[in-house]
Amino acid sequence: MGVNLRDIVKATPKKIEDFRGKVVAIDAFNTLYQFLAIIRQPDGTPLKDRRGEVTSHLSGLLYRTANLMQSGVSPVFVFDGEPPKLKAKTIKDRAEVKQRAEREWKEALEEGDLQRARSKAMQTSRLTAEMVDQTKRLIELMGLPMVQAPGEGEAQASAMAAKGDVFAAASQDYDSLLFGAPTLIRNLTITGRRKLPRKNVYVDVEPEQVELDSTLSGLGITREQLVDMGLLIGTDFNEGVRGVGPKKALNLIREYGTLEKVMEGLGVQIENAIEIREIFLRPLMTADYSLQWRDVDTDGVKRLLCEEHDFSADRVTVALEKMSEAARSREQRSLDQWFG
């Protein structure tokens, strides 16, 4: 879930086409969980093949990536490595939430409440090692670069953006800002009409761009202070201080200046605060990656999706045509830059 900064961060609405010609590092795990949550049947059941294997993640990856590429975006998928030990409690808590949601999903189905059932089902998503392997295989067949992070994928994507190797880090979470991403893009892979949970209301979801420098200057704080705010609010590595949300955390940091002084003033302690700071300010990352795009292996994609997982051959062909067209356009842009 990441740190909650929604109420204090100003985002600029964008269209996918605004990122034409840009290379974007996408937090793969974050994105796959989004696909697993939202790509479901009306009763909340995820997409499955004839053997009962979940395919929502592959469906989202293929069709959303094809649309991104058709719009001129060059995606790079960054995968999580070993999570920090301090994330263990968050992982355990999330597992418990999923178990409770599964019980409530079944109850809602028995009661015939499909809206509630789907809402609860969206909270049950699990990303297995097999799903990750399938995803990496599909990305490779699509000819797209992947980066294996040694630690948090968001940290790696943020470092790549800070280095200038990519235009931005793409994630639903605001943690990328704490990790130092100069530019964060939200909603990049989940654009389109979405039904609000338990309401007969639909909204258009569009990408939004957040700039770190303008965010910090607008709030009147430093990145280090933004990280301190995160610790007060609560991160994936700590629970935060009870009763402190984004606005109160901002006021406290403005008043006291540092996390230590805030804790002293409030008479509270945040366990492992120094270590958590280090996770954000000096995260584990690698420079051992290559951003190379290759031709789409159309036959390989069809074998994986149509033969192994029962995808519609016609729909897969349309997606592959979009990718091939995007690859030709990218090559033409490169030639124009070279000879221009």
Protein backbone atom coordinates (compact mmCIF):
# COMPACT_ATOMS: atom_id res chain seq x y z
CA MET A 1 0.00 0.00 0.00
CA GLY A 2 2.87 2.37 0.67
CA VAL A 3 2.86 5.69 2.46
CA ASN A 4 -0.30 7.80 2.20
CA LEU A 5 0.49 11.23 0.75
CA ARG A 6 -2.65 11.71 -1.32
CA ASP A 7 -4.03 14.67 0.64
CA ILE A 8 -0.88 16.79 0.37
CA VAL A 9 0.64 15.89 -3.00
CA LYS A 10 -0.45 17.79 -6.10
CA ALA A 11 -0.57 15.68 -9.25
CA THR A 12 -0.91 16.91 -12.83
CA PRO A 13 -3.53 15.06 -14.91
CA LYS A 14 -2.07 13.55 -18.07
CA LYS A 15 -2.96 11.44 -21.09
CA ILE A 16 -0.94 8.38 -22.03
CA GLU A 17 -0.02 10.17 -25.26
CA ASP A 18 1.75 12.84 -23.20
CA PHE A 19 4.48 10.28 -22.54
CA ARG A 20 5.11 9.51 -26.21
CA GLY A 21 8.81 8.85 -26.78
CA LYS A 22 9.47 8.40 -23.05
CA VAL A 23 11.07 5.41 -21.34
CA VAL A 24 9.27 4.58 -18.10
CA ALA A 25 10.38 2.17 -15.36
CA ILE A 26 7.29 0.30 -14.16
CA ASP A 27 7.14 -1.27 -10.71
CA ALA A 28 6.25 -4.78 -11.90
CA PHE A 29 4.90 -6.25 -8.64
CA ASN A 30 2.77 -3.18 -7.95
CA THR A 31 1.34 -3.35 -11.46
CA LEU A 32 0.70 -7.09 -11.41
CA TYR A 33 -1.22 -6.78 -8.15
CA GLN A 34 -3.36 -4.09 -9.81
CA PHE A 35 -4.12 -6.46 -12.69
CA LEU A 36 -4.95 -9.31 -10.32
CA ALA A 37 -7.27 -7.05 -8.34
CA ILE A 38 -9.26 -5.39 -11.12
CA ILE A 39 -9.32 -7.92 -13.97
CA ARG A 40 -12.08 -10.15 -12.64
CA GLN A 41 -15.50 -11.52 -13.44
CA PRO A 42 -18.61 -9.75 -12.02
CA ASP A 43 -18.64 -12.11 -9.02
CA GLY A 44 -14.98 -11.43 -8.28
CA THR A 45 -13.53 -14.57 -9.82
CA PRO A 46 -10.22 -13.85 -11.58
CA LEU A 47 -9.71 -14.81 -15.21
CA LYS A 48 -8.64 -18.44 -15.52
CA ASP A 49 -7.70 -20.90 -18.26
CA ARG A 50 -9.33 -24.30 -18.72
CA ARG A 51 -6.97 -25.85 -16.16
CA GLY A 52 -8.08 -23.34 -13.52
CA GLU A 53 -4.84 -21.33 -13.57
CA VAL A 54 -5.27 -17.59 -12.97
CA THR A 55 -4.46 -15.51 -16.07
CA SER A 56 -5.54 -12.00 -15.02
CA HIS A 57 -1.90 -10.93 -14.67
CA LEU A 58 -1.02 -12.11 -18.17
CA SER A 59 -4.11 -10.50 -19.66
CA GLY A 60 -3.35 -7.15 -18.07
CA LEU A 61 0.31 -7.33 -19.03
CA LEU A 62 -0.38 -8.11 -22.69
CA TYR A 63 -3.21 -5.73 -23.48
CA ARG A 64 -2.19 -2.77 -21.29
CA THR A 65 1.43 -2.98 -22.46
CA ALA A 66 0.28 -3.10 -26.09
CA ASN A 67 -1.76 0.08 -25.54
CA LEU A 68 1.19 1.80 -23.88
CA MET A 69 3.50 0.89 -26.71
CA GLN A 70 0.95 1.97 -29.31
CA SER A 71 0.88 5.36 -27.57
CA GLY A 72 4.65 5.64 -27.92
CA VAL A 73 5.65 4.70 -24.36
CA SER A 74 8.69 2.42 -23.95
CA PRO A 75 8.13 0.39 -20.76
CA VAL A 76 10.83 -1.19 -18.61
CA PHE A 77 9.59 -3.63 -15.97
CA VAL A 78 11.42 -3.63 -12.63
CA PHE A 79 10.96 -6.63 -10.34
CA ASP A 80 11.30 -6.78 -6.57
CA GLY A 81 14.13 -8.71 -5.02
CA GLU A 82 14.46 -9.72 -1.38
CA PRO A 83 12.23 -7.54 0.82
CA PRO A 84 13.84 -5.77 3.79
CA LYS A 85 13.43 -7.64 7.07
CA LEU A 86 11.44 -4.72 8.45
CA LYS A 87 8.73 -5.44 5.88
CA ALA A 88 7.96 -8.82 7.45
CA LYS A 89 5.12 -7.52 9.65
CA THR A 90 3.48 -5.72 6.72
CA ILE A 91 3.66 -8.90 4.64
CA LYS A 92 2.12 -10.90 7.51
CA ASP A 93 -0.64 -8.31 8.03
CA ARG A 94 -1.47 -8.32 4.32
CA ALA A 95 -1.76 -12.10 4.34
CA GLU A 96 -4.24 -11.88 7.21
CA VAL A 97 -6.27 -9.24 5.34
CA LYS A 98 -6.43 -11.54 2.31
CA GLN A 99 -7.61 -14.47 4.42
CA ARG A 100 -10.36 -12.39 6.00
CA ALA A 101 -11.38 -11.00 2.59
CA GLU A 102 -11.62 -14.54 1.18
CA ARG A 103 -14.06 -15.52 3.94
CA GLU A 104 -16.14 -12.39 3.34
CA TRP A 105 -16.05 -12.98 -0.42
CA LYS A 106 -17.55 -16.46 0.03
CA GLU A 107 -20.17 -15.09 2.42
CA ALA A 108 -21.16 -12.40 -0.07
CA LEU A 109 -21.47 -14.98 -2.85
CA GLU A 110 -23.72 -17.15 -0.67
CA GLU A 111 -25.88 -14.09 0.02
CA GLY A 112 -26.01 -13.22 -3.68
CA ASP A 113 -24.41 -9.81 -3.12
CA LEU A 114 -22.23 -9.64 -6.22
CA GLN A 115 -21.11 -6.04 -5.66
CA ARG A 116 -19.79 -6.84 -2.20
CA ALA A 117 -18.36 -10.12 -3.45
CA ARG A 118 -16.33 -8.42 -6.15
CA SER A 119 -15.16 -5.74 -3.74
CA LYS A 120 -13.92 -8.36 -1.28
CA ALA A 121 -12.42 -10.52 -4.02
CA MET A 122 -10.22 -7.63 -5.13
CA GLN A 123 -8.54 -7.76 -1.71
CA THR A 124 -7.59 -11.43 -2.05
CA SER A 125 -5.02 -11.14 -4.85
CA ARG A 126 -1.91 -13.27 -4.47
CA LEU A 127 1.14 -13.06 -6.70
CA THR A 128 2.82 -16.46 -6.76
CA ALA A 129 6.35 -17.35 -7.86
CA GLU A 130 4.82 -19.17 -10.84
CA MET A 131 2.94 -16.02 -11.87
CA VAL A 132 6.15 -14.00 -11.66
CA ASP A 133 7.94 -16.54 -13.86
CA GLN A 134 5.08 -16.45 -16.39
CA THR A 135 5.20 -12.66 -16.40
CA LYS A 136 8.95 -12.55 -17.01
CA ARG A 137 8.59 -15.07 -19.81
CA LEU A 138 5.92 -12.95 -21.51
CA ILE A 139 7.94 -9.75 -21.12
CA GLU A 140 10.94 -11.46 -22.71
CA LEU A 141 8.82 -12.70 -25.60
CA MET A 142 7.47 -9.18 -26.10
CA GLY A 143 11.05 -7.98 -26.51
CA LEU A 144 10.95 -5.62 -23.55
CA PRO A 145 13.73 -4.95 -21.04
CA MET A 146 13.43 -6.12 -17.44
CA VAL A 147 15.48 -5.20 -14.40
CA GLN A 148 15.82 -7.43 -11.37
CA ALA A 149 16.16 -5.26 -8.29
CA PRO A 150 18.21 -6.56 -5.36
CA GLY A 151 15.62 -5.09 -3.00
CA GLU A 152 12.51 -2.96 -3.47
CA GLY A 153 11.44 -2.55 -7.10
CA GLU A 154 10.25 1.00 -6.44
CA ALA A 155 13.68 1.92 -5.09
CA GLN A 156 15.37 0.52 -8.20
CA ALA A 157 12.96 2.28 -10.57
CA SER A 158 13.44 5.54 -8.67
CA ALA A 159 17.22 5.23 -8.88
CA MET A 160 17.00 4.65 -12.64
CA ALA A 161 14.88 7.78 -12.99
CA ALA A 162 17.25 9.81 -10.80
CA LYS A 163 20.15 8.62 -12.96
CA GLY A 164 18.35 9.74 -16.11
CA ASP A 165 18.16 6.27 -17.68
CA VAL A 166 14.35 6.51 -17.68
CA PHE A 167 11.97 9.46 -17.73
CA ALA A 168 9.97 8.42 -14.67
CA ALA A 169 9.08 5.69 -12.21
CA ALA A 170 5.54 4.34 -12.60
CA SER A 171 3.71 3.01 -9.55
CA GLN A 172 0.44 3.47 -7.69
CA ASP A 173 2.30 4.17 -4.45
CA TYR A 174 3.88 7.47 -3.43
CA ASP A 175 6.90 5.65 -1.99
CA SER A 176 8.78 6.43 -5.20
CA LEU A 177 9.01 10.05 -4.04
CA LEU A 178 10.57 8.98 -0.74
CA PHE A 179 12.99 6.82 -2.72
CA GLY A 180 14.01 9.92 -4.69
CA ALA A 181 12.27 9.49 -8.06
CA PRO A 182 12.34 12.94 -9.74
CA THR A 183 9.10 12.06 -11.55
CA LEU A 184 6.35 9.65 -10.51
CA ILE A 185 3.56 8.53 -12.85
CA ARG A 186 0.46 7.01 -11.28
CA ASN A 187 -2.39 5.16 -13.05
CA LEU A 188 -0.24 4.50 -16.11
CA THR A 189 -1.30 0.87 -16.51
CA ILE A 190 -4.88 1.08 -15.20
CA THR A 191 -6.37 3.85 -17.32
CA GLY A 192 -9.99 3.63 -18.49
CA ARG A 193 -13.45 3.54 -16.95
CA ARG A 194 -13.67 2.06 -13.47
CA LYS A 195 -16.66 1.30 -11.30
CA LEU A 196 -16.41 2.62 -7.77
CA PRO A 197 -16.67 -0.11 -5.12
CA ARG A 198 -20.28 -0.82 -4.04
CA LYS A 199 -21.57 2.14 -6.06
CA ASN A 200 -23.27 2.26 -9.43
CA VAL A 201 -20.88 5.04 -10.43
CA TYR A 202 -18.13 4.93 -13.04
CA VAL A 203 -15.12 7.23 -13.22
CA ASP A 204 -12.47 7.80 -15.87
CA VAL A 205 -9.03 6.90 -14.55
CA GLU A 206 -6.25 8.87 -16.23
CA PRO A 207 -2.51 9.00 -15.58
CA GLU A 208 -1.18 11.67 -13.27
CA GLN A 209 2.34 13.02 -12.93
CA VAL A 210 4.00 14.09 -9.70
CA GLU A 211 7.30 15.98 -9.63
CA LEU A 212 9.48 15.56 -6.56
CA ASP A 213 11.12 19.00 -6.67
CA SER A 214 7.86 20.91 -7.04
CA THR A 215 6.28 18.74 -4.34
CA LEU A 216 9.07 19.52 -1.88
CA SER A 217 9.13 23.23 -2.69
CA GLY A 218 5.35 23.44 -2.49
CA LEU A 219 5.35 21.80 0.93
CA GLY A 220 8.40 23.76 2.08
CA ILE A 221 10.36 20.68 3.14
CA THR A 222 13.37 18.61 2.08
CA ARG A 223 13.33 15.02 0.85
CA GLU A 224 14.77 13.94 4.20
CA GLN A 225 11.85 15.63 5.92
CA LEU A 226 9.45 13.94 3.49
CA VAL A 227 10.88 10.60 4.59
CA ASP A 228 10.44 11.64 8.23
CA MET A 229 6.82 12.47 7.45
CA GLY A 230 6.43 9.01 5.97
CA LEU A 231 7.63 7.42 9.18
CA LEU A 232 5.11 9.46 11.17
CA ILE A 233 2.25 8.50 8.82
CA GLY A 234 3.28 4.87 8.47
CA THR A 235 5.17 2.97 5.76
CA ASP A 236 5.58 -0.62 4.66
CA PHE A 237 8.26 -0.83 7.36
CA ASN A 238 6.49 0.74 10.34
CA GLU A 239 2.98 1.49 11.60
CA GLY A 240 3.44 5.19 12.17
CA VAL A 241 2.08 7.27 15.03
CA ARG A 242 -1.56 6.81 15.96
CA GLY A 243 -3.72 9.74 14.87
CA VAL A 244 -1.09 11.22 12.52
CA GLY A 245 -2.10 11.54 8.87
CA PRO A 246 -0.44 13.39 6.00
CA LYS A 247 -1.57 16.90 6.98
CA LYS A 248 -0.72 16.51 10.66
CA ALA A 249 2.65 14.95 9.80
CA LEU A 250 3.44 17.93 7.58
CA ASN A 251 2.52 20.39 10.31
CA LEU A 252 4.62 18.51 12.85
CA ILE A 253 7.68 18.43 10.59
CA ARG A 254 7.27 22.12 9.81
CA GLU A 255 7.04 22.87 13.52
CA TYR A 256 9.80 20.61 14.87
CA GLY A 257 12.05 20.18 11.84
CA THR A 258 13.12 16.57 12.39
CA LEU A 259 11.59 13.24 13.30
CA GLU A 260 13.63 13.06 16.50
CA LYS A 261 12.29 16.38 17.72
CA VAL A 262 8.73 15.41 16.79
CA MET A 263 9.03 12.18 18.78
CA GLU A 264 10.46 14.09 21.73
CA GLY A 265 7.69 16.68 21.53
CA LEU A 266 4.94 14.06 21.32
CA GLY A 267 6.54 11.69 23.79
CA VAL A 268 6.49 8.79 21.34
CA GLN A 269 9.05 6.44 19.81
CA ILE A 270 9.22 4.93 16.31
CA GLU A 271 11.09 1.67 16.43
CA ASN A 272 13.91 1.22 13.90
CA ALA A 273 13.50 4.82 12.67
CA ILE A 274 17.14 5.21 11.64
CA GLU A 275 17.16 1.93 9.73
CA ILE A 276 13.90 2.80 7.94
CA ARG A 277 15.33 6.17 6.96
CA GLU A 278 18.27 4.36 5.38
CA ILE A 279 15.93 2.12 3.37
CA PHE A 280 14.48 5.21 1.69
CA LEU A 281 17.50 7.51 1.50
CA ARG A 282 20.16 4.89 0.67
CA PRO A 283 18.21 1.93 -0.71
CA LEU A 284 19.66 -1.28 -2.05
CA MET A 285 19.95 -1.04 -5.86
CA THR A 286 21.98 -2.22 -8.81
CA ALA A 287 23.62 -0.55 -11.79
CA ASP A 288 23.88 -3.90 -13.56
CA TYR A 289 21.10 -3.60 -16.12
CA SER A 290 20.70 -3.01 -19.84
CA LEU A 291 17.79 -1.25 -21.49
CA GLN A 292 17.56 -2.98 -24.85
CA TRP A 293 14.41 -3.50 -26.92
CA ARG A 294 14.09 -6.46 -29.30
CA ASP A 295 11.57 -7.58 -31.89
CA VAL A 296 8.41 -9.20 -30.59
CA ASP A 297 8.46 -12.99 -30.77
CA THR A 298 4.92 -13.27 -32.09
CA ASP A 299 4.96 -17.06 -32.36
CA GLY A 300 6.32 -17.39 -28.82
CA VAL A 301 3.66 -15.08 -27.40
CA LYS A 302 0.91 -17.01 -29.16
CA ARG A 303 2.25 -20.34 -27.89
CA LEU A 304 2.39 -19.07 -24.32
CA LEU A 305 -0.98 -17.34 -24.26
CA CYS A 306 -3.14 -19.18 -26.79
CA GLU A 307 -1.83 -22.74 -26.54
CA GLU A 308 -0.90 -22.82 -22.86
CA HIS A 309 -3.48 -20.45 -21.37
CA ASP A 310 -6.44 -20.42 -23.82
CA PHE A 311 -6.30 -16.76 -24.83
CA SER A 312 -8.28 -15.64 -27.87
CA ALA A 313 -5.97 -15.88 -30.89
CA ASP A 314 -7.69 -12.94 -32.58
CA ARG A 315 -7.29 -10.64 -29.57
CA VAL A 316 -3.68 -11.65 -29.06
CA THR A 317 -2.96 -10.99 -32.74
CA VAL A 318 -4.40 -7.47 -32.47
CA ALA A 319 -2.21 -6.75 -29.43
CA LEU A 320 0.87 -8.10 -31.21
CA GLU A 321 0.17 -5.90 -34.22
CA LYS A 322 0.11 -2.87 -31.93
CA MET A 323 3.48 -3.87 -30.47
CA SER A 324 5.04 -4.47 -33.87
CA GLU A 325 3.77 -1.13 -35.10
CA ALA A 326 5.21 0.54 -31.99
CA ALA A 327 8.58 -1.15 -32.57
CA ARG A 328 8.68 0.17 -36.15
CA SER A 329 7.82 3.68 -34.93
CA ARG A 330 10.57 3.52 -32.30
CA GLU A 331 13.11 2.46 -34.93
CA GLN A 332 11.99 5.28 -37.20
CA ARG A 333 12.39 7.83 -34.38
CA SER A 334 15.89 6.51 -33.76
CA LEU A 335 16.75 6.88 -37.44
CA ASP A 336 15.30 10.39 -37.54
CA GLN A 337 17.42 11.38 -34.53
CA TRP A 338 20.52 9.78 -36.03
CA PHE A 339 20.22 11.42 -39.44
CA GLY A 340 18.44 14.56 -38.28
